[in-house]
C-alpha atoms as a PDB file:
ATOM      1  CA  ARG A   1     132.390 173.736  42.369  1.00  0.00           C
ATOM      2  CA  ALA A   2     129.030 172.152  43.220  1.00  0.00           C
ATOM      3  CA  PRO A   3     128.235 168.672  41.829  1.00  0.00           C
ATOM      4  CA  ALA A   4     126.631 168.501  38.394  1.00  0.00           C
ATOM      5  CA  ASP A   5     123.347 167.246  39.830  1.00  0.00           C
ATOM      6  CA  ALA A   6     123.051 170.164  42.268  1.00  0.00           C
ATOM      7  CA  PRO A   7     119.639 171.875  42.202  1.00  0.00           C
ATOM      8  CA  ALA A   8     119.352 175.226  40.440  1.00  0.00           C
ATOM      9  CA  PRO A   9     119.921 178.227  42.743  1.00  0.00           C
ATOM     10  CA  ARG A  10     116.779 179.742  44.165  1.00  0.00           C
ATOM     11  CA  PRO A  11     116.264 183.519  43.922  1.00  0.00           C
ATOM     12  CA  ALA A  12     116.950 185.473  47.068  1.00  0.00           C
ATOM     13  CA  PRO A  13     113.989 187.070  48.869  1.00  0.00           C
ATOM     14  CA  ALA A  14     113.770 190.825  48.558  1.00  0.00           C
ATOM     15  CA  VAL A  15     115.030 192.718  51.585  1.00  0.00           C
ATOM     16  CA  THR A  16     115.361 196.400  52.307  1.00  0.00           C
ATOM     17  CA  ALA A  17     118.028 198.157  54.336  1.00  0.00           C
ATOM     18  CA  ALA A  18     117.040 199.272  57.828  1.00  0.00           C
ATOM     19  CA  PRO A  19     118.767 201.542  60.351  1.00  0.00           C
ATOM     20  CA  ASP A  20     120.516 199.989  63.342  1.00  0.00           C
ATOM     21  CA  PRO A  21     117.760 199.049  65.816  1.00  0.00           C
ATOM     22  CA  ASP A  22     117.895 199.620  69.549  1.00  0.00           C
ATOM     23  CA  PRO A  23     120.013 196.793  71.058  1.00  0.00           C
ATOM     24  CA  TRP A  24     117.366 195.875  73.616  1.00  0.00           C
ATOM     25  CA  GLU A  25     114.766 195.541  70.877  1.00  0.00           C
ATOM     26  CA  THR A  26     117.205 193.316  69.012  1.00  0.00           C
ATOM     27  CA  VAL A  27     117.554 191.111  72.106  1.00  0.00           C
ATOM     28  CA  ARG A  28     113.779 190.779  72.325  1.00  0.00           C
ATOM     29  CA  THR A  29     113.544 189.942  68.630  1.00  0.00           C
ATOM     30  CA  ALA A  30     116.312 187.328  68.923  1.00  0.00           C
ATOM     31  CA  ARG A  31     114.252 185.638  71.656  1.00  0.00           C
ATOM     32  CA  HIS A  32     110.944 185.717  69.756  1.00  0.00           C
ATOM     33  CA  PRO A  33     109.249 182.307  70.128  1.00  0.00           C
ATOM     34  CA  GLY A  34     108.367 182.215  66.428  1.00  0.00           C
ATOM     35  CA  ARG A  35     111.954 182.698  65.303  1.00  0.00           C
ATOM     36  CA  PRO A  36     113.178 179.774  63.123  1.00  0.00           C
ATOM     37  CA  THR A  37     115.122 177.128  65.010  1.00  0.00           C
ATOM     38  CA  THR A  38     117.953 174.888  63.856  1.00  0.00           C
ATOM     39  CA  LEU A  39     115.506 172.124  62.893  1.00  0.00           C
ATOM     40  CA  ASP A  40     113.460 174.652  60.923  1.00  0.00           C
ATOM     41  CA  TYR A  41     116.533 175.686  58.951  1.00  0.00           C
ATOM     42  CA  LEU A  42     117.506 172.055  58.408  1.00  0.00           C
ATOM     43  CA  GLU A  43     114.122 171.470  56.785  1.00  0.00           C
ATOM     44  CA  THR A  44     114.244 174.533  54.533  1.00  0.00           C
ATOM     45  CA  ALA A  45     117.801 175.790  53.948  1.00  0.00           C
ATOM     46  CA  PHE A  46     119.406 172.335  53.754  1.00  0.00           C
ATOM     47  CA  ASP A  47     118.442 169.092  52.023  1.00  0.00           C
ATOM     48  CA  GLY A  48     118.404 165.431  53.066  1.00  0.00           C
ATOM     49  CA  PHE A  49     119.207 165.953  56.737  1.00  0.00           C
ATOM     50  CA  VAL A  50     119.983 162.728  58.631  1.00  0.00           C
ATOM     51  CA  GLU A  51     120.167 163.317  62.381  1.00  0.00           C
ATOM     52  CA  LEU A  52     122.870 161.578  64.406  1.00  0.00           C
ATOM     53  CA  HIS A  53     122.187 161.035  68.098  1.00  0.00           C
ATOM     54  CA  GLY A  54     124.159 160.599  71.290  1.00  0.00           C
ATOM     55  CA  ASP A  55     127.568 161.387  72.740  1.00  0.00           C
ATOM     56  CA  ARG A  56     128.588 157.684  72.794  1.00  0.00           C
ATOM     57  CA  LEU A  57     129.031 157.917  76.545  1.00  0.00           C
ATOM     58  CA  GLY A  58     125.422 157.362  77.570  1.00  0.00           C
ATOM     59  CA  ALA A  59     123.344 160.487  76.847  1.00  0.00           C
ATOM     60  CA  ASP A  60     121.656 162.364  73.996  1.00  0.00           C
ATOM     61  CA  CYS A  61     121.240 166.034  74.904  1.00  0.00           C
ATOM     62  CA  PRO A  62     118.105 167.404  73.186  1.00  0.00           C
ATOM     63  CA  ALA A  63     119.463 170.970  73.227  1.00  0.00           C
ATOM     64  CA  VAL A  64     121.953 170.111  70.465  1.00  0.00           C
ATOM     65  CA  VAL A  65     120.997 168.543  67.131  1.00  0.00           C
ATOM     66  CA  GLY A  66     123.318 167.559  64.345  1.00  0.00           C
ATOM     67  CA  GLY A  67     123.896 165.298  61.413  1.00  0.00           C
ATOM     68  CA  ILE A  68     124.727 165.086  57.734  1.00  0.00           C
ATOM     69  CA  ALA A  69     122.875 167.244  55.214  1.00  0.00           C
ATOM     70  CA  ARG A  70     123.381 168.790  51.780  1.00  0.00           C
ATOM     71  CA  LEU A  71     123.712 172.412  50.784  1.00  0.00           C
ATOM     72  CA  ASP A  72     123.279 173.012  47.058  1.00  0.00           C
ATOM     73  CA  GLY A  73     124.109 169.342  46.508  1.00  0.00           C
ATOM     74  CA  ARG A  74     127.271 169.344  48.632  1.00  0.00           C
ATOM     75  CA  PRO A  75     127.378 167.057  51.716  1.00  0.00           C
ATOM     76  CA  LEU A  76     128.349 168.643  55.016  1.00  0.00           C
ATOM     77  CA  MET A  77     127.912 168.297  58.765  1.00  0.00           C
ATOM     78  CA  VAL A  78     125.400 170.643  60.403  1.00  0.00           C
ATOM     79  CA  ILE A  79     125.341 171.106  64.190  1.00  0.00           C
ATOM     80  CA  GLY A  80     123.176 173.552  66.097  1.00  0.00           C
ATOM     81  CA  HIS A  81     121.335 174.458  69.255  1.00  0.00           C
ATOM     82  CA  GLN A  82     117.645 173.623  69.306  1.00  0.00           C
ATOM     83  CA  LYS A  83     115.124 175.615  71.325  1.00  0.00           C
ATOM     84  CA  GLY A  84     111.554 175.197  70.093  1.00  0.00           C
ATOM     85  CA  HIS A  85     108.485 177.363  69.674  1.00  0.00           C
ATOM     86  CA  THR A  86     106.042 176.245  72.371  1.00  0.00           C
ATOM     87  CA  THR A  87     106.565 176.115  76.113  1.00  0.00           C
ATOM     88  CA  ALA A  88     106.580 172.313  76.016  1.00  0.00           C
ATOM     89  CA  GLU A  89     109.251 172.264  73.282  1.00  0.00           C
ATOM     90  CA  LEU A  90     111.382 174.805  75.107  1.00  0.00           C
ATOM     91  CA  VAL A  91     111.271 172.793  78.318  1.00  0.00           C
ATOM     92  CA  THR A  92     112.025 169.537  76.499  1.00  0.00           C
ATOM     93  CA  ARG A  93     115.011 171.133  74.763  1.00  0.00           C
ATOM     94  CA  ASN A  94     116.157 172.917  77.941  1.00  0.00           C
ATOM     95  CA  PHE A  95     115.723 176.264  76.129  1.00  0.00           C
ATOM     96  CA  GLY A  96     118.672 175.393  73.886  1.00  0.00           C
ATOM     97  CA  MET A  97     121.108 175.244  76.822  1.00  0.00           C
ATOM     98  CA  ALA A  98     123.428 172.321  76.170  1.00  0.00           C
ATOM     99  CA  SER A  99     124.594 169.924  78.865  1.00  0.00           C
ATOM    100  CA  PRO A 100     128.085 168.383  78.773  1.00  0.00           C
ATOM    101  CA  ALA A 101     126.516 165.521  76.778  1.00  0.00           C
ATOM    102  CA  GLY A 102     125.373 168.051  74.172  1.00  0.00           C
ATOM    103  CA  HIS A 103     128.852 169.468  73.801  1.00  0.00           C
ATOM    104  CA  ARG A 104     130.299 165.959  73.594  1.00  0.00           C
ATOM    105  CA  LYS A 105     127.751 165.104  70.880  1.00  0.00           C
ATOM    106  CA  ALA A 106     128.842 168.166  68.917  1.00  0.00           C
ATOM    107  CA  LEU A 107     132.489 167.202  69.410  1.00  0.00           C
ATOM    108  CA  ARG A 108     131.826 163.681  68.127  1.00  0.00           C
ATOM    109  CA  LEU A 109     130.165 165.050  65.003  1.00  0.00           C
ATOM    110  CA  MET A 110     132.987 167.531  64.382  1.00  0.00           C
ATOM    111  CA  ARG A 111     135.542 164.726  64.544  1.00  0.00           C
ATOM    112  CA  LEU A 112     133.390 162.578  62.281  1.00  0.00           C
ATOM    113  CA  ALA A 113     133.246 165.434  59.777  1.00  0.00           C
ATOM    114  CA  ALA A 114     137.044 165.664  59.845  1.00  0.00           C
ATOM    115  CA  ARG A 115     137.370 161.924  59.156  1.00  0.00           C
ATOM    116  CA  LEU A 116     134.889 162.140  56.280  1.00  0.00           C
ATOM    117  CA  ARG A 117     136.420 165.415  55.028  1.00  0.00           C
ATOM    118  CA  LEU A 118     133.098 167.217  55.291  1.00  0.00           C
ATOM    119  CA  PRO A 119     132.735 170.969  55.904  1.00  0.00           C
ATOM    120  CA  VAL A 120     131.044 171.895  59.171  1.00  0.00           C
ATOM    121  CA  VAL A 121     128.230 174.431  59.528  1.00  0.00           C
ATOM    122  CA  THR A 122     127.098 175.386  63.025  1.00  0.00           C
ATOM    123  CA  LEU A 123     123.894 177.243  63.909  1.00  0.00           C
ATOM    124  CA  VAL A 124     124.188 179.037  67.238  1.00  0.00           C
ATOM    125  CA  ASP A 125     121.072 179.887  69.246  1.00  0.00           C
ATOM    126  CA  THR A 126     121.446 179.519  73.001  1.00  0.00           C
ATOM    127  CA  PRO A 127     121.211 181.752  76.088  1.00  0.00           C
ATOM    128  CA  GLY A 128     124.301 179.873  77.293  1.00  0.00           C
ATOM    129  CA  ALA A 129     125.384 176.456  78.451  1.00  0.00           C
ATOM    130  CA  ASP A 130     123.271 174.613  81.020  1.00  0.00           C
ATOM    131  CA  PRO A 131     124.057 176.411  84.320  1.00  0.00           C
ATOM    132  CA  GLY A 132     122.735 173.669  86.604  1.00  0.00           C
ATOM    133  CA  VAL A 133     124.649 171.936  89.367  1.00  0.00           C
ATOM    134  CA  THR A 134     124.406 168.571  87.594  1.00  0.00           C
ATOM    135  CA  ALA A 135     125.992 170.019  84.457  1.00  0.00           C
ATOM    136  CA  GLU A 136     128.858 171.407  86.501  1.00  0.00           C
ATOM    137  CA  GLN A 137     129.334 168.087  88.260  1.00  0.00           C
ATOM    138  CA  GLN A 138     129.486 166.361  84.880  1.00  0.00           C
ATOM    139  CA  GLY A 139     132.265 168.622  83.627  1.00  0.00           C
ATOM    140  CA  GLN A 140     130.542 171.450  81.782  1.00  0.00           C
ATOM    141  CA  ALA A 141     133.599 173.711  81.667  1.00  0.00           C
ATOM    142  CA  ALA A 142     135.872 170.946  80.426  1.00  0.00           C
ATOM    143  CA  ALA A 143     133.358 169.913  77.743  1.00  0.00           C
ATOM    144  CA  ILE A 144     133.165 173.477  76.400  1.00  0.00           C
ATOM    145  CA  ALA A 145     136.940 173.824  76.497  1.00  0.00           C
ATOM    146  CA  GLU A 146     137.390 170.567  74.559  1.00  0.00           C
ATOM    147  CA  ASN A 147     135.037 171.805  71.832  1.00  0.00           C
ATOM    148  CA  ILE A 148     136.886 175.103  71.519  1.00  0.00           C
ATOM    149  CA  LEU A 149     140.212 173.289  71.347  1.00  0.00           C
ATOM    150  CA  ALA A 150     138.922 170.813  68.752  1.00  0.00           C
ATOM    151  CA  LEU A 151     137.563 173.595  66.552  1.00  0.00           C
ATOM    152  CA  THR A 152     140.885 175.453  66.592  1.00  0.00           C
ATOM    153  CA  VAL A 153     142.590 172.454  64.960  1.00  0.00           C
ATOM    154  CA  LEU A 154     139.772 170.925  62.910  1.00  0.00           C
ATOM    155  CA  PRO A 155     141.227 170.300  59.419  1.00  0.00           C
ATOM    156  CA  THR A 156     138.029 171.061  57.538  1.00  0.00           C
ATOM    157  CA  PRO A 157     136.186 174.329  56.745  1.00  0.00           C
ATOM    158  CA  VAL A 158     133.912 175.642  59.498  1.00  0.00           C
ATOM    159  CA  VAL A 159     131.215 178.300  59.044  1.00  0.00           C
ATOM    160  CA  ALA A 160     129.253 179.420  62.109  1.00  0.00           C
ATOM    161  CA  VAL A 161     125.991 181.372  62.002  1.00  0.00           C
ATOM    162  CA  VAL A 162     124.484 183.037  65.072  1.00  0.00           C
ATOM    163  CA  THR A 163     120.790 182.711  64.257  1.00  0.00           C
ATOM    164  CA  GLY A 164     119.235 183.945  67.507  1.00  0.00           C
ATOM    165  CA  GLU A 165     120.936 184.251  70.881  1.00  0.00           C
ATOM    166  CA  GLY A 166     124.675 183.706  71.065  1.00  0.00           C
ATOM    167  CA  GLY A 167     125.262 183.450  74.776  1.00  0.00           C
ATOM    168  CA  SER A 168     128.637 183.069  76.468  1.00  0.00           C
ATOM    169  CA  GLY A 169     130.639 179.826  76.429  1.00  0.00           C
ATOM    170  CA  GLY A 170     127.671 177.796  75.268  1.00  0.00           C
ATOM    171  CA  ALA A 171     127.740 179.769  72.007  1.00  0.00           C
ATOM    172  CA  LEU A 172     131.515 179.845  71.675  1.00  0.00           C
ATOM    173  CA  ALA A 173     131.613 176.033  71.891  1.00  0.00           C
ATOM    174  CA  LEU A 174     130.108 176.002  68.367  1.00  0.00           C
ATOM    175  CA  ALA A 175     131.394 179.325  67.040  1.00  0.00           C
ATOM    176  CA  VAL A 176     135.171 178.988  66.651  1.00  0.00           C
ATOM    177  CA  ALA A 177     135.045 179.053  62.869  1.00  0.00           C
ATOM    178  CA  ASP A 178     136.782 180.240  59.724  1.00  0.00           C
ATOM    179  CA  ARG A 179     133.818 182.506  59.026  1.00  0.00           C
ATOM    180  CA  VAL A 180     131.390 183.746  61.693  1.00  0.00           C
ATOM    181  CA  LEU A 181     128.078 185.155  60.441  1.00  0.00           C
ATOM    182  CA  MET A 182     125.143 186.685  62.285  1.00  0.00           C
ATOM    183  CA  LEU A 183     121.555 187.114  61.270  1.00  0.00           C
ATOM    184  CA  GLU A 184     120.476 190.720  61.296  1.00  0.00           C
ATOM    185  CA  HIS A 185     118.368 190.436  64.455  1.00  0.00           C
ATOM    186  CA  ALA A 186     120.613 188.019  66.361  1.00  0.00           C
ATOM    187  CA  VAL A 187     122.773 188.891  69.383  1.00  0.00           C
ATOM    188  CA  TYR A 188     126.150 187.567  70.533  1.00  0.00           C
ATOM    189  CA  SER A 189     127.598 188.385  73.936  1.00  0.00           C
ATOM    190  CA  VAL A 190     129.692 187.081  76.808  1.00  0.00           C
ATOM    191  CA  ILE A 191     126.735 187.601  79.174  1.00  0.00           C
ATOM    192  CA  SER A 192     123.016 188.322  78.915  1.00  0.00           C
ATOM    193  CA  PRO A 193     121.863 191.913  79.424  1.00  0.00           C
ATOM    194  CA  GLU A 194     119.967 190.813  82.544  1.00  0.00           C
ATOM    195  CA  GLY A 195     123.064 189.159  83.982  1.00  0.00           C
ATOM    196  CA  CYS A 196     125.208 192.167  83.192  1.00  0.00           C
ATOM    197  CA  ALA A 197     122.662 194.521  84.754  1.00  0.00           C
ATOM    198  CA  ALA A 198     122.494 192.437  87.920  1.00  0.00           C
ATOM    199  CA  ILE A 199     126.269 192.748  88.309  1.00  0.00           C
ATOM    200  CA  LEU A 200     126.851 196.378  87.315  1.00  0.00           C
ATOM    201  CA  TRP A 201     123.532 197.993  88.263  1.00  0.00           C
ATOM    202  CA  PRO A 202     121.193 197.525  91.237  1.00  0.00           C
ATOM    203  CA  ASP A 203     119.100 194.841  89.498  1.00  0.00           C
ATOM    204  CA  SER A 204     118.137 193.321  86.171  1.00  0.00           C
ATOM    205  CA  SER A 205     115.719 196.157  85.376  1.00  0.00           C
ATOM    206  CA  ALA A 206     118.696 197.962  83.831  1.00  0.00           C
ATOM    207  CA  ALA A 207     118.887 195.273  81.121  1.00  0.00           C
ATOM    208  CA  PRO A 208     118.082 197.738  78.262  1.00  0.00           C
ATOM    209  CA  GLN A 209     120.963 199.951  79.371  1.00  0.00           C
ATOM    210  CA  ALA A 210     123.241 196.918  79.643  1.00  0.00           C
ATOM    211  CA  ALA A 211     122.264 195.757  76.160  1.00  0.00           C
ATOM    212  CA  ARG A 212     123.385 199.069  74.731  1.00  0.00           C
ATOM    213  CA  ALA A 213     126.694 198.907  76.624  1.00  0.00           C
ATOM    214  CA  LEU A 214     127.498 195.311  75.624  1.00  0.00           C
ATOM    215  CA  ARG A 215     127.636 195.990  71.859  1.00  0.00           C
ATOM    216  CA  LEU A 216     125.958 192.661  71.203  1.00  0.00           C
ATOM    217  CA  THR A 217     124.245 193.389  67.892  1.00  0.00           C
ATOM    218  CA  GLY A 218     125.519 192.146  64.560  1.00  0.00           C
ATOM    219  CA  ALA A 219     126.228 195.670  63.335  1.00  0.00           C
ATOM    220  CA  ASP A 220     128.400 196.414  66.387  1.00  0.00           C
ATOM    221  CA  LEU A 221     130.242 193.096  66.173  1.00  0.00           C
ATOM    222  CA  CYS A 222     130.934 193.494  62.464  1.00  0.00           C
ATOM    223  CA  ARG A 223     132.477 196.885  63.206  1.00  0.00           C
ATOM    224  CA  LEU A 224     134.588 195.300  65.955  1.00  0.00           C
ATOM    225  CA  GLY A 225     135.737 192.495  63.656  1.00  0.00           C
ATOM    226  CA  VAL A 226     134.286 189.713  65.814  1.00  0.00           C
ATOM    227  CA  VAL A 227     131.736 188.814  63.121  1.00  0.00           C
ATOM    228  CA  ASP A 228     132.586 188.612  59.426  1.00  0.00           C
ATOM    229  CA  GLU A 229     129.194 189.220  57.822  1.00  0.00           C
ATOM    230  CA  LEU A 230     125.682 190.307  58.721  1.00  0.00           C
ATOM    231  CA  VAL A 231     122.984 188.194  57.056  1.00  0.00           C
ATOM    232  CA  PRO A 232     119.828 190.204  56.270  1.00  0.00           C
ATOM    233  CA  GLU A 233     116.383 189.047  57.353  1.00  0.00           C
ATOM    234  CA  PRO A 234     112.995 189.609  55.750  1.00  0.00           C
ATOM    235  CA  ARG A 235     111.126 192.588  57.210  1.00  0.00           C
ATOM    236  CA  PRO A 236     110.378 192.932  60.037  1.00  0.00           C
ATOM    237  CA  ALA A 237     112.379 189.850  61.147  1.00  0.00           C
ATOM    238  CA  ALA A 238     112.899 186.137  60.488  1.00  0.00           C
ATOM    239  CA  HIS A 239     109.802 185.030  62.409  1.00  0.00           C
ATOM    240  CA  ALA A 240     107.583 186.914  59.933  1.00  0.00           C
ATOM    241  CA  ASP A 241     108.910 184.962  56.941  1.00  0.00           C
ATOM    242  CA  PRO A 242     110.794 181.799  58.029  1.00  0.00           C
ATOM    243  CA  GLY A 243     111.072 180.549  54.449  1.00  0.00           C
ATOM    244  CA  GLY A 244     112.617 183.790  53.252  1.00  0.00           C
ATOM    245  CA  ALA A 245     114.996 183.826  56.227  1.00  0.00           C
ATOM    246  CA  ALA A 246     116.073 180.264  55.422  1.00  0.00           C
ATOM    247  CA  GLU A 247     116.832 181.186  51.813  1.00  0.00           C
ATOM    248  CA  LEU A 248     118.922 184.170  52.865  1.00  0.00           C
ATOM    249  CA  LEU A 249     120.821 181.972  55.324  1.00  0.00           C
ATOM    250  CA  ARG A 250     121.405 179.348  52.629  1.00  0.00           C
ATOM    251  CA  LEU A 251     122.831 181.913  50.230  1.00  0.00           C
ATOM    252  CA  ALA A 252     125.119 183.411  52.884  1.00  0.00           C
ATOM    253  CA  VAL A 253     126.464 180.048  54.064  1.00  0.00           C
ATOM    254  CA  ALA A 254     127.074 178.855  50.498  1.00  0.00           C
ATOM    255  CA  ALA A 255     128.885 182.081  49.566  1.00  0.00           C
ATOM    256  CA  ASN A 256     131.130 181.978  52.639  1.00  0.00           C
ATOM    257  CA  LEU A 257     131.834 178.253  52.433  1.00  0.00           C
ATOM    258  CA  ALA A 258     132.819 178.126  48.759  1.00  0.00           C
ATOM    259  CA  PRO A 259     136.175 179.981  49.074  1.00  0.00           C
ATOM    260  CA  LEU A 260     137.202 177.765  52.008  1.00  0.00           C
ATOM    261  CA  LEU A 261     136.823 174.481  50.149  1.00  0.00           C
ATOM    262  CA  THR A 262     140.057 174.896  48.201  1.00  0.00           C
ATOM    263  CA  VAL A 263     142.206 176.082  51.124  1.00  0.00           C
ATOM    264  CA  PRO A 264     144.725 173.480  52.374  1.00  0.00           C
ATOM    265  CA  PRO A 265     143.870 172.127  55.865  1.00  0.00           C
ATOM    266  CA  ALA A 266     147.065 173.454  57.458  1.00  0.00           C
ATOM    267  CA  THR A 267     146.323 176.933  56.124  1.00  0.00           C
ATOM    268  CA  LEU A 268     142.722 176.766  57.346  1.00  0.00           C
ATOM    269  CA  VAL A 269     143.860 175.899  60.867  1.00  0.00           C
ATOM    270  CA  ARG A 270     146.562 178.566  60.924  1.00  0.00           C
ATOM    271  CA  ARG A 271     144.207 181.308  59.741  1.00  0.00           C
ATOM    272  CA  ARG A 272     141.457 180.239  62.141  1.00  0.00           C
ATOM    273  CA  ARG A 273     143.800 180.341  65.135  1.00  0.00           C
ATOM    274  CA  GLN A 274     145.180 183.714  64.078  1.00  0.00           C
ATOM    275  CA  ARG A 275     141.656 185.066  63.697  1.00  0.00           C
ATOM    276  CA  PHE A 276     140.770 184.380  67.325  1.00  0.00           C
ATOM    277  CA  ARG A 277     144.169 185.156  68.822  1.00  0.00           C
ATOM    278  CA  ARG A 278     144.006 188.757  67.624  1.00  0.00           C
ATOM    279  CA  PHE A 279     140.799 189.482  69.561  1.00  0.00           C
ATOM    280  CA  GLY A 280     141.555 191.738  72.495  1.00  0.00           C
ATOM    281  CA  ALA A 281     145.139 192.342  71.396  1.00  0.00           C
ATOM    282  CA  ALA A 282     146.410 195.778  72.324  1.00  0.00           C
ATOM    283  CA  ARG A 283     146.886 198.146  69.409  1.00  0.00           C
ATOM    284  CA  SER A 284     150.017 200.171  70.038  1.00  0.00           C
ATOM    285  CA  VAL A 285     151.267 203.175  68.088  1.00  0.00           C
ATOM    286  CA  THR A 286     154.718 202.272  66.791  1.00  0.00           C
ATOM    287  CA  SER A 287     155.829 205.710  65.663  1.00  0.00           C
ATOM    288  CA  GLY A 288     155.282 209.385  66.335  1.00  0.00           C
ATOM    289  CA  PRO A 289     155.592 211.622  69.424  1.00  0.00           C
ATOM    290  CA  ALA A 290     153.176 209.573  71.561  1.00  0.00           C
ATOM    291  CA  ALA A 291     155.152 206.403  70.998  1.00  0.00           C
ATOM    292  CA  THR A 292     158.418 208.195  71.732  1.00  0.00           C
ATOM    293  CA  ALA A 293     157.033 209.554  74.987  1.00  0.00           C
ATOM    294  CA  ARG A 294     155.784 206.136  76.084  1.00  0.00           C
ATOM    295  CA  ALA A 295     159.155 204.580  75.267  1.00  0.00           C
ATOM    296  CA  ALA A 296     160.924 207.214  77.372  1.00  0.00           C
ATOM    297  CA  GLU A 297     158.665 206.505  80.334  1.00  0.00           C
ATOM    298  CA  ARG A 298     159.105 202.718  80.108  1.00  0.00           C
ATOM    299  CA  PRO A 299     161.806 201.471  82.516  1.00  0.00           C
ATOM    300  CA  GLU A 300     164.637 199.412  81.093  1.00  0.00           C
ATOM    301  CA  VAL A 301     164.410 195.678  81.656  1.00  0.00           C
ATOM    302  CA  ALA A 302     167.617 194.058  82.785  1.00  0.00           C
END
């Protein structure tokens, strides 16, 4: 239950249902420079944000922002990727691609949230982790792995929202959560369409075809069970009405966080680990003629 002094709920913006868009168009929309960023949402969907800086090892990655805020009067920790709207902002924020220092900053804030018993909300919007040589030399893979490990055992509720691009390990480092949401025009994939096209087709010009094959839209990922809920956006997309998009995000996060607040920490951790362990698990038929035939063909194991 929210505190007694919590502000009155604001009405949700009106949205209308739309058919599934072409995946490549969704990718282009997710990358729109006017799309709300993490700092935009922190100003509109959350209250009283206090940013916390640094990884306590010597760096403060600008591609990751985080700190304590309130949602409907309840304190929580918010961590997200930050891109920007102008070319100068994008360059300064490294296009939202976190360095190892950015992942360590996020890890520090997650652990702080656990000590303070605060829920964690993450806002994912990155093409991927920083792919540079310096990042690799500074332990990029290990930093991402440590975040994923920490999130699998974090004894506090975690809700992740893919707000724009959810790219590869850089996204997963903030997206191991009890509930994973996606905005309607966001994408979430192990590789970019251009990268996939460069590997499987002659060149990156096949990116639209790759986008369709990757099943990276929210609708596809909800059907696959990777994402729990699709958050609607004002028409035609969030960049056309950032305030309305922020209100819809606020309502979705609040609704998904509320049931988690009363779950015992051990149960939260167990369910979260089970959620991710079942991805990619083979689904076998345990009865019927097909199963009998497969059993007959399987050699005995001594």
